[in-house]
Amino acid sequence: MSETDERDPAELTDDEWRERLSDEEYRVLRESGTEAKFSGEYVDHHPDDGEYNCRACGTVLFEAETKYESGCGWPAFYAAEEESVTTTVDTSHGMRRTEVRCANCDSHLGHVFDDGPEPTGKRFCINSVAMEYDDE
């Protein structure tokens, strides 16, 4: 692991994030962008087990068993790992939504809505490029 990988993500400079991430990853994770609907690698990915981690810092965000087909065009989960994400009000693009960010590195992940399935009623709508799947 490089020295940069061992540092607290909160201490990384903008230039260091640009070195770590692809252009698209940087746009979504660090500039709060959104990938095109149905374009992400995990939209139709439905494993029985494993976890989805933050692509920027590796924090476990979602267990595969909480992923479901929502039809929204992005991977959807009904629950996040405890204390792995934070939320904030997002008023961009003339809308009022709840933005989801990684609690460890403050990267933009997507949004959460109150129209999901039981047991939570939540739909975490997350950009594929913001995550990495780990089947371990």
N, C-alpha and C. Protein backbone atom coordinates (compact mmCIF):
# COMPACT_ATOMS: atom_id res chain seq x y z
N MET A 1 0.85 -1.18 0.00
CA MET A 1 0.00 0.00 0.00
C MET A 1 0.89 1.24 0.00
N SER A 2 0.54 2.21 -0.82
CA SER A 2 1.35 3.42 -0.90
C SER A 2 1.08 4.32 0.29
N GLU A 3 1.95 5.30 0.46
CA GLU A 3 1.77 6.26 1.56
C GLU A 3 0.43 6.98 1.43
N THR A 4 0.04 7.32 0.19
CA THR A 4 -1.23 7.99 -0.04
C THR A 4 -2.39 7.11 0.42
N ASP A 5 -2.31 5.79 0.16
CA ASP A 5 -3.38 4.87 0.54
C ASP A 5 -3.54 4.77 2.05
N GLU A 6 -2.47 5.01 2.79
CA GLU A 6 -2.51 4.89 4.24
C GLU A 6 -3.01 6.16 4.92
N ARG A 7 -3.06 7.25 4.21
CA ARG A 7 -3.48 8.52 4.79
C ARG A 7 -4.98 8.56 5.01
N ASP A 8 -5.38 9.36 5.97
CA ASP A 8 -6.79 9.61 6.21
C ASP A 8 -7.36 10.29 4.96
N PRO A 9 -8.45 9.75 4.38
CA PRO A 9 -9.02 10.37 3.17
C PRO A 9 -9.36 11.84 3.35
N ALA A 10 -9.70 12.25 4.55
CA ALA A 10 -10.04 13.66 4.80
C ALA A 10 -8.85 14.58 4.58
N GLU A 11 -7.63 14.02 4.60
CA GLU A 11 -6.42 14.82 4.43
C GLU A 11 -5.95 14.90 2.98
N LEU A 12 -6.57 14.13 2.08
CA LEU A 12 -6.12 14.13 0.69
C LEU A 12 -6.45 15.45 0.01
N THR A 13 -5.54 15.92 -0.81
CA THR A 13 -5.77 17.14 -1.58
C THR A 13 -6.57 16.81 -2.83
N ASP A 14 -7.07 17.83 -3.47
CA ASP A 14 -7.80 17.65 -4.72
C ASP A 14 -6.91 16.97 -5.76
N ASP A 15 -5.66 17.37 -5.85
CA ASP A 15 -4.74 16.74 -6.80
C ASP A 15 -4.54 15.26 -6.50
N GLU A 16 -4.47 14.90 -5.22
CA GLU A 16 -4.30 13.49 -4.85
C GLU A 16 -5.54 12.68 -5.22
N TRP A 17 -6.73 13.25 -5.04
CA TRP A 17 -7.95 12.56 -5.47
C TRP A 17 -7.93 12.36 -6.98
N ARG A 18 -7.51 13.37 -7.73
CA ARG A 18 -7.46 13.25 -9.19
C ARG A 18 -6.49 12.16 -9.63
N GLU A 19 -5.40 11.97 -8.89
CA GLU A 19 -4.45 10.90 -9.20
C GLU A 19 -5.03 9.53 -8.90
N ARG A 20 -5.80 9.40 -7.85
CA ARG A 20 -6.37 8.13 -7.40
C ARG A 20 -7.53 7.65 -8.26
N LEU A 21 -8.33 8.58 -8.76
CA LEU A 21 -9.59 8.26 -9.41
C LEU A 21 -9.54 8.52 -10.91
N SER A 22 -10.34 7.76 -11.67
CA SER A 22 -10.50 8.04 -13.09
C SER A 22 -11.27 9.36 -13.22
N ASP A 23 -11.33 9.91 -14.43
CA ASP A 23 -12.06 11.16 -14.64
C ASP A 23 -13.52 11.03 -14.23
N GLU A 24 -14.17 9.92 -14.62
CA GLU A 24 -15.58 9.72 -14.29
C GLU A 24 -15.77 9.49 -12.79
N GLU A 25 -14.90 8.72 -12.17
CA GLU A 25 -14.97 8.52 -10.72
C GLU A 25 -14.83 9.85 -9.99
N TYR A 26 -13.89 10.66 -10.43
CA TYR A 26 -13.68 11.97 -9.81
C TYR A 26 -14.92 12.85 -9.97
N ARG A 27 -15.49 12.88 -11.17
CA ARG A 27 -16.66 13.70 -11.44
C ARG A 27 -17.82 13.33 -10.51
N VAL A 28 -18.06 12.04 -10.35
CA VAL A 28 -19.17 11.59 -9.50
C VAL A 28 -18.84 11.72 -8.02
N LEU A 29 -17.72 11.14 -7.61
CA LEU A 29 -17.39 11.08 -6.19
C LEU A 29 -17.00 12.42 -5.57
N ARG A 30 -16.25 13.21 -6.28
CA ARG A 30 -15.71 14.45 -5.70
C ARG A 30 -16.46 15.71 -6.14
N GLU A 31 -17.15 15.64 -7.30
CA GLU A 31 -17.89 16.80 -7.80
C GLU A 31 -19.40 16.59 -7.75
N SER A 32 -19.85 15.53 -7.08
CA SER A 32 -21.27 15.22 -6.90
C SER A 32 -22.01 15.03 -8.22
N GLY A 33 -21.34 14.41 -9.18
CA GLY A 33 -21.96 14.12 -10.46
C GLY A 33 -22.87 12.90 -10.40
N THR A 34 -23.51 12.61 -11.52
CA THR A 34 -24.39 11.44 -11.63
C THR A 34 -24.11 10.75 -12.95
N GLU A 35 -23.95 9.43 -12.91
CA GLU A 35 -23.76 8.69 -14.15
C GLU A 35 -25.10 8.54 -14.85
N ALA A 36 -25.08 8.32 -16.15
CA ALA A 36 -26.31 8.18 -16.93
C ALA A 36 -27.12 6.97 -16.46
N LYS A 37 -28.46 7.10 -16.50
CA LYS A 37 -29.34 5.99 -16.11
C LYS A 37 -29.00 4.73 -16.90
N PHE A 38 -29.06 3.61 -16.23
CA PHE A 38 -28.86 2.28 -16.81
C PHE A 38 -27.48 2.08 -17.43
N SER A 39 -26.52 2.95 -17.12
CA SER A 39 -25.18 2.83 -17.71
C SER A 39 -24.17 2.16 -16.78
N GLY A 40 -24.46 2.07 -15.50
CA GLY A 40 -23.50 1.58 -14.53
C GLY A 40 -23.33 0.08 -14.52
N GLU A 41 -22.13 -0.36 -14.14
CA GLU A 41 -21.82 -1.79 -14.15
C GLU A 41 -22.62 -2.60 -13.14
N TYR A 42 -23.19 -1.98 -12.12
CA TYR A 42 -23.90 -2.73 -11.09
C TYR A 42 -25.42 -2.62 -11.17
N VAL A 43 -25.96 -2.00 -12.21
CA VAL A 43 -27.41 -1.88 -12.35
C VAL A 43 -28.07 -3.26 -12.37
N ASP A 44 -27.54 -4.17 -13.18
CA ASP A 44 -28.10 -5.52 -13.30
C ASP A 44 -27.26 -6.56 -12.58
N HIS A 45 -26.55 -6.17 -11.58
CA HIS A 45 -25.66 -7.05 -10.81
C HIS A 45 -26.39 -7.40 -9.51
N HIS A 46 -26.75 -8.69 -9.34
CA HIS A 46 -27.54 -9.09 -8.18
C HIS A 46 -26.96 -10.34 -7.52
N PRO A 47 -25.80 -10.23 -6.90
CA PRO A 47 -25.21 -11.38 -6.21
C PRO A 47 -25.97 -11.70 -4.92
N ASP A 48 -25.84 -12.93 -4.47
CA ASP A 48 -26.50 -13.34 -3.23
C ASP A 48 -25.76 -12.87 -1.98
N ASP A 49 -24.45 -12.70 -2.11
CA ASP A 49 -23.68 -12.26 -0.96
C ASP A 49 -22.55 -11.34 -1.41
N GLY A 50 -21.78 -10.87 -0.45
CA GLY A 50 -20.73 -9.91 -0.74
C GLY A 50 -21.14 -8.53 -0.26
N GLU A 51 -20.33 -7.55 -0.64
CA GLU A 51 -20.59 -6.19 -0.20
C GLU A 51 -20.12 -5.19 -1.25
N TYR A 52 -20.70 -4.02 -1.18
CA TYR A 52 -20.33 -2.92 -2.06
C TYR A 52 -19.60 -1.89 -1.21
N ASN A 53 -18.39 -1.54 -1.63
CA ASN A 53 -17.52 -0.64 -0.88
C ASN A 53 -17.36 0.68 -1.62
N CYS A 54 -17.03 1.72 -0.88
CA CYS A 54 -16.75 3.02 -1.48
C CYS A 54 -15.54 2.90 -2.38
N ARG A 55 -15.68 3.30 -3.63
CA ARG A 55 -14.57 3.21 -4.57
C ARG A 55 -13.43 4.16 -4.19
N ALA A 56 -13.72 5.22 -3.49
CA ALA A 56 -12.68 6.19 -3.13
C ALA A 56 -11.85 5.74 -1.94
N CYS A 57 -12.48 5.10 -0.93
CA CYS A 57 -11.73 4.79 0.29
C CYS A 57 -11.86 3.35 0.78
N GLY A 58 -12.75 2.56 0.19
CA GLY A 58 -12.90 1.16 0.57
C GLY A 58 -13.86 0.87 1.71
N THR A 59 -14.48 1.87 2.27
CA THR A 59 -15.44 1.66 3.35
C THR A 59 -16.61 0.80 2.88
N VAL A 60 -17.00 -0.19 3.68
CA VAL A 60 -18.16 -1.02 3.34
C VAL A 60 -19.41 -0.15 3.46
N LEU A 61 -20.18 -0.08 2.36
CA LEU A 61 -21.38 0.75 2.31
C LEU A 61 -22.67 -0.05 2.39
N PHE A 62 -22.76 -1.13 1.59
CA PHE A 62 -23.99 -1.90 1.47
C PHE A 62 -23.68 -3.39 1.38
N GLU A 63 -24.50 -4.21 2.02
CA GLU A 63 -24.42 -5.66 1.86
C GLU A 63 -25.22 -6.03 0.62
N ALA A 64 -24.74 -7.01 -0.14
CA ALA A 64 -25.40 -7.43 -1.37
C ALA A 64 -26.85 -7.86 -1.12
N GLU A 65 -27.12 -8.44 0.03
CA GLU A 65 -28.47 -8.92 0.32
C GLU A 65 -29.49 -7.78 0.43
N THR A 66 -29.03 -6.53 0.56
CA THR A 66 -29.96 -5.40 0.64
C THR A 66 -30.20 -4.75 -0.72
N LYS A 67 -29.58 -5.28 -1.77
CA LYS A 67 -29.75 -4.73 -3.12
C LYS A 67 -31.03 -5.30 -3.73
N TYR A 68 -31.74 -4.47 -4.47
CA TYR A 68 -32.97 -4.94 -5.11
C TYR A 68 -33.16 -4.21 -6.44
N GLU A 69 -34.05 -4.73 -7.27
CA GLU A 69 -34.34 -4.14 -8.57
C GLU A 69 -35.43 -3.09 -8.39
N SER A 70 -35.05 -1.83 -8.55
CA SER A 70 -36.02 -0.74 -8.34
C SER A 70 -36.54 -0.19 -9.66
N GLY A 71 -35.81 -0.44 -10.75
CA GLY A 71 -36.20 0.10 -12.05
C GLY A 71 -35.83 1.55 -12.23
N CYS A 72 -35.08 2.13 -11.29
CA CYS A 72 -34.75 3.56 -11.36
C CYS A 72 -33.57 3.87 -12.29
N GLY A 73 -32.80 2.85 -12.67
CA GLY A 73 -31.66 3.08 -13.56
C GLY A 73 -30.32 3.10 -12.87
N TRP A 74 -30.32 3.01 -11.55
CA TRP A 74 -29.10 2.95 -10.76
C TRP A 74 -29.24 1.81 -9.76
N PRO A 75 -28.14 1.29 -9.26
CA PRO A 75 -28.23 0.27 -8.22
C PRO A 75 -29.01 0.81 -7.02
N ALA A 76 -29.89 -0.03 -6.48
CA ALA A 76 -30.73 0.39 -5.35
C ALA A 76 -30.57 -0.59 -4.18
N PHE A 77 -30.54 -0.03 -2.99
CA PHE A 77 -30.40 -0.80 -1.76
C PHE A 77 -31.44 -0.29 -0.77
N TYR A 78 -31.94 -1.17 0.10
CA TYR A 78 -32.91 -0.71 1.08
C TYR A 78 -32.28 -0.36 2.43
N ALA A 79 -30.98 -0.64 2.59
CA ALA A 79 -30.31 -0.29 3.85
C ALA A 79 -28.81 -0.12 3.61
N ALA A 80 -28.23 0.84 4.30
CA ALA A 80 -26.77 1.04 4.27
C ALA A 80 -26.18 0.43 5.54
N GLU A 81 -24.91 0.12 5.48
CA GLU A 81 -24.22 -0.35 6.69
C GLU A 81 -24.26 0.76 7.74
N GLU A 82 -24.45 0.38 8.98
CA GLU A 82 -24.58 1.35 10.06
C GLU A 82 -23.37 2.28 10.12
N GLU A 83 -23.64 3.57 10.16
CA GLU A 83 -22.63 4.63 10.27
C GLU A 83 -21.67 4.71 9.09
N SER A 84 -22.01 4.10 7.94
CA SER A 84 -21.13 4.15 6.78
C SER A 84 -21.43 5.32 5.86
N VAL A 85 -22.64 5.87 5.97
CA VAL A 85 -23.02 6.98 5.11
C VAL A 85 -23.58 8.13 5.94
N THR A 86 -23.50 9.31 5.36
CA THR A 86 -24.14 10.49 5.93
C THR A 86 -25.11 11.02 4.89
N THR A 87 -26.05 11.84 5.31
CA THR A 87 -26.99 12.44 4.38
C THR A 87 -27.04 13.94 4.59
N THR A 88 -27.39 14.62 3.52
CA THR A 88 -27.52 16.08 3.55
C THR A 88 -28.57 16.48 2.53
N VAL A 89 -29.16 17.63 2.70
CA VAL A 89 -30.15 18.13 1.74
C VAL A 89 -29.43 18.62 0.49
N ASP A 90 -29.92 18.19 -0.67
CA ASP A 90 -29.37 18.58 -1.97
C ASP A 90 -30.46 19.34 -2.73
N THR A 91 -30.20 20.60 -3.02
CA THR A 91 -31.18 21.41 -3.75
C THR A 91 -30.72 21.74 -5.17
N SER A 92 -29.78 20.95 -5.69
CA SER A 92 -29.29 21.19 -7.05
C SER A 92 -30.34 20.79 -8.09
N HIS A 93 -30.19 21.31 -9.28
CA HIS A 93 -31.04 20.97 -10.43
C HIS A 93 -32.52 21.27 -10.19
N GLY A 94 -32.81 22.24 -9.34
CA GLY A 94 -34.19 22.64 -9.09
C GLY A 94 -35.01 21.62 -8.32
N MET A 95 -34.35 20.68 -7.65
CA MET A 95 -35.04 19.65 -6.88
C MET A 95 -34.58 19.70 -5.43
N ARG A 96 -35.35 19.07 -4.57
CA ARG A 96 -34.96 18.92 -3.17
C ARG A 96 -34.87 17.42 -2.90
N ARG A 97 -33.65 16.94 -2.70
CA ARG A 97 -33.41 15.51 -2.49
C ARG A 97 -32.49 15.34 -1.29
N THR A 98 -32.36 14.09 -0.85
CA THR A 98 -31.44 13.77 0.23
C THR A 98 -30.22 13.08 -0.37
N GLU A 99 -29.10 13.77 -0.32
CA GLU A 99 -27.84 13.24 -0.86
C GLU A 99 -27.22 12.26 0.12
N VAL A 100 -26.59 11.20 -0.42
CA VAL A 100 -25.88 10.21 0.38
C VAL A 100 -24.39 10.36 0.11
N ARG A 101 -23.59 10.44 1.19
CA ARG A 101 -22.15 10.58 1.08
C ARG A 101 -21.47 9.53 1.95
N CYS A 102 -20.26 9.16 1.59
CA CYS A 102 -19.47 8.23 2.39
C CYS A 102 -19.09 8.93 3.70
N ALA A 103 -19.34 8.27 4.82
CA ALA A 103 -19.03 8.87 6.12
C ALA A 103 -17.53 8.95 6.37
N ASN A 104 -16.75 8.14 5.68
CA ASN A 104 -15.30 8.13 5.90
C ASN A 104 -14.56 9.17 5.06
N CYS A 105 -14.89 9.28 3.78
CA CYS A 105 -14.12 10.18 2.89
C CYS A 105 -14.95 11.32 2.32
N ASP A 106 -16.23 11.40 2.66
CA ASP A 106 -17.13 12.46 2.22
C ASP A 106 -17.35 12.48 0.71
N SER A 107 -17.20 11.34 0.06
CA SER A 107 -17.47 11.27 -1.38
C SER A 107 -18.97 11.14 -1.63
N HIS A 108 -19.43 11.76 -2.71
CA HIS A 108 -20.82 11.66 -3.14
C HIS A 108 -21.09 10.25 -3.66
N LEU A 109 -22.17 9.65 -3.19
CA LEU A 109 -22.54 8.30 -3.62
C LEU A 109 -23.81 8.30 -4.46
N GLY A 110 -24.79 9.09 -4.08
CA GLY A 110 -26.08 9.12 -4.77
C GLY A 110 -27.09 9.82 -3.89
N HIS A 111 -28.34 9.28 -3.89
CA HIS A 111 -29.42 9.88 -3.11
C HIS A 111 -30.25 8.78 -2.46
N VAL A 112 -31.00 9.14 -1.43
CA VAL A 112 -31.90 8.20 -0.77
C VAL A 112 -33.31 8.77 -0.80
N PHE A 113 -34.28 7.88 -1.06
CA PHE A 113 -35.68 8.25 -1.17
C PHE A 113 -36.52 7.38 -0.24
N ASP A 114 -37.71 7.85 0.09
CA ASP A 114 -38.60 7.14 1.02
C ASP A 114 -39.63 6.28 0.28
N ASP A 115 -39.25 5.70 -0.85
CA ASP A 115 -40.19 4.87 -1.61
C ASP A 115 -39.66 3.45 -1.83
N GLY A 116 -38.82 2.99 -0.92
CA GLY A 116 -38.24 1.66 -1.03
C GLY A 116 -39.08 0.58 -0.36
N PRO A 117 -38.62 -0.66 -0.45
CA PRO A 117 -39.36 -1.79 0.12
C PRO A 117 -39.16 -1.92 1.63
N GLU A 118 -39.95 -2.76 2.22
CA GLU A 118 -39.75 -3.13 3.62
C GLU A 118 -38.43 -3.89 3.70
N PRO A 119 -37.72 -3.89 4.78
CA PRO A 119 -38.17 -3.45 6.09
C PRO A 119 -37.91 -1.97 6.39
N THR A 120 -37.24 -1.24 5.51
CA THR A 120 -36.86 0.15 5.83
C THR A 120 -37.71 1.20 5.14
N GLY A 121 -38.27 0.86 3.98
CA GLY A 121 -38.99 1.85 3.18
C GLY A 121 -38.06 2.81 2.46
N LYS A 122 -36.76 2.53 2.48
CA LYS A 122 -35.76 3.41 1.86
C LYS A 122 -35.29 2.85 0.52
N ARG A 123 -34.94 3.76 -0.39
CA ARG A 123 -34.30 3.39 -1.66
C ARG A 123 -33.03 4.22 -1.78
N PHE A 124 -31.91 3.59 -1.47
CA PHE A 124 -30.61 4.22 -1.68
C PHE A 124 -30.28 4.03 -3.15
N CYS A 125 -30.32 5.09 -3.91
CA CYS A 125 -30.08 5.08 -5.35
C CYS A 125 -28.63 5.54 -5.56
N ILE A 126 -27.73 4.60 -5.87
CA ILE A 126 -26.29 4.85 -5.79
C ILE A 126 -25.62 4.69 -7.15
N ASN A 127 -24.73 5.58 -7.49
CA ASN A 127 -23.97 5.49 -8.73
C ASN A 127 -23.04 4.27 -8.69
N SER A 128 -23.06 3.46 -9.75
CA SER A 128 -22.17 2.29 -9.82
C SER A 128 -20.71 2.71 -9.69
N VAL A 129 -20.34 3.80 -10.34
CA VAL A 129 -18.95 4.24 -10.35
C VAL A 129 -18.46 4.65 -8.96
N ALA A 130 -19.38 4.85 -8.04
CA ALA A 130 -19.02 5.22 -6.67
C ALA A 130 -18.69 4.01 -5.80
N MET A 131 -18.90 2.79 -6.35
CA MET A 131 -18.73 1.57 -5.55
C MET A 131 -17.83 0.55 -6.23
N GLU A 132 -17.34 -0.37 -5.42
CA GLU A 132 -16.64 -1.57 -5.90
C GLU A 132 -17.28 -2.76 -5.19
N TYR A 133 -17.60 -3.81 -5.95
CA TYR A 133 -18.18 -5.00 -5.35
C TYR A 133 -17.07 -5.92 -4.87
N ASP A 134 -17.25 -6.48 -3.68
CA ASP A 134 -16.31 -7.44 -3.11
C ASP A 134 -17.10 -8.68 -2.73
N ASP A 135 -16.76 -9.82 -3.32
CA ASP A 135 -17.51 -11.04 -3.05
C ASP A 135 -16.97 -11.83 -1.86
N GLU A 136 -16.00 -11.30 -1.16
CA GLU A 136 -15.41 -12.01 0.00
C GLU A 136 -16.26 -11.89 1.23
